[in-house]
């Protein structure tokens, strides 16, 4: 039986802070910022990354809108960007672009900002994390043939389609399976024909035995395969097993709130050769175990072949967090294979879902500007509920807001809306929704919807996308160099590190660092003094593996 959480006077204090407001003092934002290239793209020089931006302008004189790529906290070297006309007061969506024209550069942030028409003020600016690697060679628009976390059947190819552009008259490109810091042994793979300087291509590889990968490694090499032009690592988790479960999709997003009656449906292809048939189930998991109150769909025998299958699971009673869907393949009395697909679902007798924000996240808003939101709800509380939102950071509510009130929403389901704003510097990485009783004395549901929202003149989103494996040792720049080059290192954890430089005959020519290094970004200087013109290899040895970069000194 569900037992609501009685908060007593605490919820009354919270309710008293939900002040009504006649309207915002100003009305500006930049939000719903997105890129047309996927993060972890490896782009050739002069490739334009298009940035889509929603905006709202209050000043009658209008605003200009710009984007600038950043690298290591400063404008990226060799960048080019689009200009801006004056946008009039009102709302709309625009696109801007940036590119890198020279050097090997990692763009780790993009600055999106307003300027007044006379270029004297910057009313709003936001720094959005990115992961674009630019250089003379590029492999981009990468499309694996299945979804992440798939289990491919032994011998089944993982096809990888991509576009490429190289600064050479011809090249060969190879895509290979990678895990952590090494190639995964035992694979079979396609070769590479001689390719023109640009175009589209496809590679594939497979395993006849069990194998797991974390990345796809791309190598761009010369016609005779003696020169490595570029090496890229694309994050992609996948495995090969005797039984195939792939092209996995869910009927809800990977982060949502669901009612106990709502089924979490998994759709996938089930592929096997067992003549007697095999069963497959999906189960709700929490902290590595079966989730309390979980139920799942029984499985009939699935005959041999590659057939589309759907299975559901849910938490039928109680309030629980599901952090994985656990796949089980086998028979009623024997398990052949299990694996997990991560997600975050809050199950309970009350749910808030299908949440939409205006502006969309990530966004920066002027003081007093409304963050509007709509949502659907489901509740078992027959007397109806009230629903409030509050900005939060690391799942802790942020005070000082002004917001809408809440009507009494009737059971069992429906839709609602809310708004909130702040009049001082506030950075949120989620919005906390609370569903309470009519008199606000009982808290039925608390749900944190992810989203970055900043009220200020300037702000930075701190949460960066996953760093590709190769970026542990970043691209050396400038390359070629004279007289010095920067060697970037990005550690995910504290580690003993040895960073050395060798010539092509394998002789040690310099040690840039040896010893303990803290987690985070570091930059070391490679000096060409005393070295001859030519190519050198930078080698980084850490507890996570060994990484190398090629750099050329030109005198």
Foldseek 3Di string as FASTA:
>chain_A
DDDFDFDPCVLVVVQVQQAADPAFPFAKKKFPWDWPFDFQWEEEFPDKIKIKIKMAHGDQQAKWKWKFFDAPHHGKPQKDWDGTDGDGGGIDMDMIIMGHHAFWTWGQWMKIFIAGPVRPDTQAIEIETGTYIYHQKTKGPKDWPFAFPWAAEAPDKTKIKIWIAHPDQWWWKAKFFAALADGWPAKDWDGTDIGGRIDMDMIIMGHNAKDWGQWIKMWIAHPVRPGTPDIGTGGGIYIYHNKTWTNWDWPDDLAFEDELVDKTKIKTKTAHADQVFKWKWKAFDDPRHGWPQKDWDDTDGDGHDTHIDMIIMGRNADWDWGFWIKMFMGDPVDTDDIDTDGGIYIYHQKTKGPKDWVVAPPMETEARHKTKMKIKMAHPPQQFKWKDKAFAAPPHGDGAKHWDGTDGGHPGMDMDMIIMGHRDWDWGQWMWMWIAHPVSRTTDDIDTGGGIYTHDRYYYDDDHDDHGSQPQWGAWPRFQDPFKIKIKHAAPAKWFKWKFKAAPVGHTDDTFDGGIDGGGMDITMDGNVPPDWAKMKIWMQTPSGIHIYIGTYDD
